[in-house]
N, C-alpha and C. Protein backbone atom coordinates (compact mmCIF):
# COMPACT_ATOMS: atom_id res chain seq x y z
N MET A 1 11.85 -23.04 7.27
CA MET A 1 11.80 -21.60 7.32
C MET A 1 10.92 -21.18 8.50
N PRO A 2 11.42 -20.34 9.38
CA PRO A 2 10.61 -19.92 10.53
C PRO A 2 9.53 -18.93 10.11
N ASN A 3 8.48 -18.87 10.91
CA ASN A 3 7.44 -17.86 10.66
C ASN A 3 8.02 -16.50 11.01
N LYS A 4 7.99 -15.59 10.07
CA LYS A 4 8.46 -14.24 10.30
C LYS A 4 7.34 -13.28 10.00
N GLU A 5 7.24 -12.27 10.82
CA GLU A 5 6.21 -11.26 10.62
C GLU A 5 6.82 -10.08 9.87
N TYR A 6 6.11 -9.60 8.89
CA TYR A 6 6.53 -8.44 8.13
C TYR A 6 5.39 -7.43 8.13
N PRO A 7 5.60 -6.25 8.71
CA PRO A 7 4.53 -5.26 8.71
C PRO A 7 4.43 -4.55 7.36
N TYR A 8 3.24 -4.36 6.90
CA TYR A 8 2.98 -3.58 5.70
C TYR A 8 2.00 -2.49 6.07
N TYR A 9 2.14 -1.34 5.45
CA TYR A 9 1.33 -0.18 5.77
C TYR A 9 0.45 0.16 4.57
N PHE A 10 -0.80 0.46 4.85
CA PHE A 10 -1.76 0.79 3.81
C PHE A 10 -2.36 2.16 4.12
N ILE A 11 -2.83 2.84 3.10
CA ILE A 11 -3.47 4.14 3.26
C ILE A 11 -4.94 3.99 2.93
N LYS A 12 -5.76 4.51 3.82
CA LYS A 12 -7.20 4.42 3.63
C LYS A 12 -7.79 5.82 3.67
N LEU A 13 -8.71 6.10 2.76
CA LEU A 13 -9.39 7.38 2.68
C LEU A 13 -10.89 7.08 2.66
N GLY A 14 -11.52 7.17 3.82
CA GLY A 14 -12.92 6.76 3.92
C GLY A 14 -13.02 5.26 3.71
N ARG A 15 -13.76 4.85 2.69
CA ARG A 15 -13.87 3.43 2.34
C ARG A 15 -12.96 3.03 1.18
N LEU A 16 -12.08 3.94 0.79
CA LEU A 16 -11.21 3.69 -0.34
C LEU A 16 -9.78 3.40 0.11
N TYR A 17 -9.05 2.63 -0.70
CA TYR A 17 -7.67 2.25 -0.41
C TYR A 17 -6.74 2.81 -1.48
N TYR A 18 -5.60 3.29 -1.06
CA TYR A 18 -4.61 3.87 -1.97
C TYR A 18 -4.04 2.82 -2.91
N VAL A 19 -3.92 3.21 -4.21
CA VAL A 19 -3.34 2.32 -5.21
C VAL A 19 -2.04 2.89 -5.78
N THR A 20 -2.06 4.13 -6.22
CA THR A 20 -0.86 4.70 -6.84
C THR A 20 -0.93 6.22 -6.87
N GLU A 21 0.21 6.83 -7.15
CA GLU A 21 0.32 8.28 -7.29
C GLU A 21 1.06 8.58 -8.58
N SER A 22 0.66 9.64 -9.25
CA SER A 22 1.43 10.09 -10.40
C SER A 22 1.72 11.57 -10.24
N CYS A 23 2.90 11.97 -10.66
CA CYS A 23 3.32 13.38 -10.55
C CYS A 23 3.57 13.93 -11.94
N ARG A 24 3.18 15.17 -12.11
CA ARG A 24 3.42 15.86 -13.39
C ARG A 24 4.00 17.23 -13.08
N HIS A 25 4.78 17.73 -13.99
CA HIS A 25 5.31 19.09 -13.87
C HIS A 25 4.65 19.93 -14.95
N ILE A 26 3.84 20.87 -14.50
CA ILE A 26 3.13 21.75 -15.43
C ILE A 26 3.49 23.19 -15.06
N LYS A 27 4.06 23.87 -16.02
CA LYS A 27 4.48 25.26 -15.82
C LYS A 27 5.31 25.43 -14.55
N ARG A 28 6.29 24.57 -14.40
CA ARG A 28 7.25 24.59 -13.28
C ARG A 28 6.60 24.33 -11.93
N LYS A 29 5.46 23.71 -11.94
CA LYS A 29 4.78 23.37 -10.69
C LYS A 29 4.50 21.87 -10.70
N GLU A 30 4.80 21.22 -9.56
CA GLU A 30 4.55 19.78 -9.47
C GLU A 30 3.10 19.54 -9.04
N ILE A 31 2.41 18.73 -9.81
CA ILE A 31 1.02 18.39 -9.52
C ILE A 31 0.92 16.88 -9.34
N SER A 32 0.35 16.46 -8.21
CA SER A 32 0.20 15.03 -7.92
C SER A 32 -1.26 14.63 -8.02
N SER A 33 -1.48 13.43 -8.53
CA SER A 33 -2.82 12.86 -8.52
C SER A 33 -2.72 11.47 -7.89
N TYR A 34 -3.77 11.07 -7.19
CA TYR A 34 -3.77 9.81 -6.47
C TYR A 34 -4.91 8.94 -6.97
N GLU A 35 -4.66 7.65 -7.02
CA GLU A 35 -5.69 6.70 -7.44
C GLU A 35 -6.06 5.83 -6.25
N PHE A 36 -7.37 5.67 -6.05
CA PHE A 36 -7.89 4.86 -4.95
C PHE A 36 -8.85 3.82 -5.50
N THR A 37 -9.06 2.77 -4.72
CA THR A 37 -9.99 1.71 -5.11
C THR A 37 -10.83 1.32 -3.89
N ASN A 38 -11.97 0.70 -4.15
CA ASN A 38 -12.78 0.21 -3.03
C ASN A 38 -12.49 -1.26 -2.74
N ASP A 39 -11.52 -1.84 -3.45
CA ASP A 39 -11.15 -3.25 -3.27
C ASP A 39 -9.82 -3.34 -2.51
N GLU A 40 -9.87 -3.77 -1.27
CA GLU A 40 -8.67 -3.84 -0.43
C GLU A 40 -7.61 -4.78 -1.01
N LEU A 41 -8.03 -5.76 -1.80
CA LEU A 41 -7.08 -6.74 -2.35
C LEU A 41 -6.08 -6.12 -3.31
N VAL A 42 -6.40 -4.99 -3.93
CA VAL A 42 -5.47 -4.36 -4.87
C VAL A 42 -4.83 -3.10 -4.29
N ALA A 43 -5.00 -2.87 -2.99
CA ALA A 43 -4.38 -1.73 -2.33
C ALA A 43 -2.85 -1.89 -2.35
N PHE A 44 -2.15 -0.78 -2.47
CA PHE A 44 -0.70 -0.81 -2.52
C PHE A 44 -0.12 -0.93 -1.12
N PRO A 45 0.70 -1.94 -0.86
CA PRO A 45 1.32 -2.09 0.46
C PRO A 45 2.68 -1.36 0.53
N PHE A 46 2.85 -0.50 1.50
CA PHE A 46 4.13 0.15 1.74
C PHE A 46 4.89 -0.70 2.76
N ASP A 47 6.15 -0.96 2.52
CA ASP A 47 6.93 -1.71 3.50
C ASP A 47 7.73 -0.79 4.41
N THR A 48 7.67 0.51 4.15
CA THR A 48 8.36 1.50 4.98
C THR A 48 7.35 2.52 5.48
N GLN A 49 7.23 2.62 6.79
CA GLN A 49 6.24 3.50 7.39
C GLN A 49 6.49 4.97 7.02
N SER A 50 7.74 5.39 6.97
CA SER A 50 8.03 6.80 6.69
C SER A 50 7.58 7.21 5.28
N ILE A 51 7.71 6.32 4.31
CA ILE A 51 7.26 6.63 2.95
C ILE A 51 5.74 6.70 2.91
N ALA A 52 5.08 5.80 3.62
CA ALA A 52 3.62 5.83 3.68
C ALA A 52 3.14 7.13 4.32
N LYS A 53 3.80 7.56 5.39
CA LYS A 53 3.41 8.80 6.05
C LYS A 53 3.61 10.01 5.14
N LYS A 54 4.66 9.99 4.34
CA LYS A 54 4.92 11.07 3.40
C LYS A 54 3.80 11.15 2.35
N THR A 55 3.34 10.01 1.91
CA THR A 55 2.25 9.96 0.93
C THR A 55 0.95 10.45 1.55
N ILE A 56 0.72 10.11 2.80
CA ILE A 56 -0.48 10.56 3.50
C ILE A 56 -0.56 12.08 3.55
N ASP A 57 0.59 12.73 3.71
CA ASP A 57 0.60 14.19 3.75
C ASP A 57 0.01 14.80 2.49
N GLY A 58 0.15 14.11 1.36
CA GLY A 58 -0.37 14.62 0.10
C GLY A 58 -1.84 14.32 -0.14
N CYS A 59 -2.33 13.21 0.40
CA CYS A 59 -3.70 12.80 0.07
C CYS A 59 -4.66 12.82 1.26
N ASN A 60 -4.17 13.19 2.45
CA ASN A 60 -5.00 13.29 3.66
C ASN A 60 -5.69 11.98 4.05
N GLY A 61 -5.06 10.87 3.78
CA GLY A 61 -5.61 9.58 4.19
C GLY A 61 -5.17 9.23 5.60
N ILE A 62 -5.51 8.03 6.03
CA ILE A 62 -5.05 7.54 7.32
C ILE A 62 -4.22 6.29 7.10
N LEU A 63 -3.29 6.05 7.99
CA LEU A 63 -2.37 4.92 7.87
C LEU A 63 -2.82 3.79 8.78
N TYR A 64 -2.82 2.60 8.23
CA TYR A 64 -3.03 1.43 9.10
C TYR A 64 -2.07 0.35 8.65
N SER A 65 -1.75 -0.56 9.55
CA SER A 65 -0.78 -1.59 9.20
C SER A 65 -1.38 -2.97 9.40
N GLU A 66 -0.80 -3.91 8.69
CA GLU A 66 -1.16 -5.31 8.81
C GLU A 66 0.12 -6.12 8.87
N ILE A 67 0.06 -7.23 9.57
CA ILE A 67 1.20 -8.13 9.65
C ILE A 67 1.00 -9.25 8.64
N VAL A 68 2.01 -9.50 7.85
CA VAL A 68 1.95 -10.54 6.83
C VAL A 68 2.92 -11.65 7.23
N TYR A 69 2.45 -12.85 7.23
CA TYR A 69 3.32 -13.99 7.55
C TYR A 69 3.89 -14.54 6.26
N LEU A 70 5.19 -14.33 6.07
CA LEU A 70 5.85 -14.72 4.83
C LEU A 70 5.70 -16.20 4.55
N ARG A 71 5.79 -17.04 5.55
CA ARG A 71 5.72 -18.48 5.34
C ARG A 71 4.37 -18.89 4.74
N ILE A 72 3.29 -18.30 5.20
CA ILE A 72 1.96 -18.62 4.68
C ILE A 72 1.85 -18.19 3.22
N ILE A 73 2.33 -17.02 2.90
CA ILE A 73 2.27 -16.53 1.52
C ILE A 73 3.06 -17.44 0.60
N LEU A 74 4.28 -17.80 0.99
CA LEU A 74 5.11 -18.67 0.15
C LEU A 74 4.47 -20.05 -0.01
N ALA A 75 3.86 -20.57 1.03
CA ALA A 75 3.20 -21.88 0.93
C ALA A 75 2.06 -21.83 -0.07
N LYS A 76 1.27 -20.77 -0.04
CA LYS A 76 0.16 -20.62 -0.98
C LYS A 76 0.67 -20.50 -2.41
N GLU A 77 1.73 -19.73 -2.60
CA GLU A 77 2.30 -19.58 -3.95
C GLU A 77 2.84 -20.90 -4.47
N ASN A 78 3.50 -21.67 -3.60
CA ASN A 78 4.06 -22.95 -4.02
C ASN A 78 2.96 -23.95 -4.34
N ALA A 79 1.80 -23.80 -3.71
CA ALA A 79 0.68 -24.71 -3.96
C ALA A 79 -0.13 -24.27 -5.18
N GLY A 80 0.26 -23.15 -5.79
CA GLY A 80 -0.45 -22.68 -6.98
C GLY A 80 -1.70 -21.89 -6.66
N ILE A 81 -1.82 -21.42 -5.42
CA ILE A 81 -2.98 -20.63 -5.01
C ILE A 81 -2.63 -19.18 -5.21
N SER A 82 -3.45 -18.46 -5.97
CA SER A 82 -3.18 -17.04 -6.18
C SER A 82 -3.61 -16.25 -4.96
N ILE A 83 -2.83 -15.23 -4.70
CA ILE A 83 -3.09 -14.42 -3.50
C ILE A 83 -3.69 -13.10 -3.93
């Protein structure tokens, strides 16, 4: 398997990392709440930049990307190493 690069996008708000969003409809109005963590290891990775940018519009975070090497991740998983 060749080394392939896959970009993932993360949202950062100060020292916090985006984890999830929940939406509720209250009195015909949509209300969103966002959950953040200070642990980068549990940050939610977006694989589509446009979706990440749409989420940023709601929470005023900043977007940054990282390249993930699929071959390294699969090798670690096959060796029983948790990521």
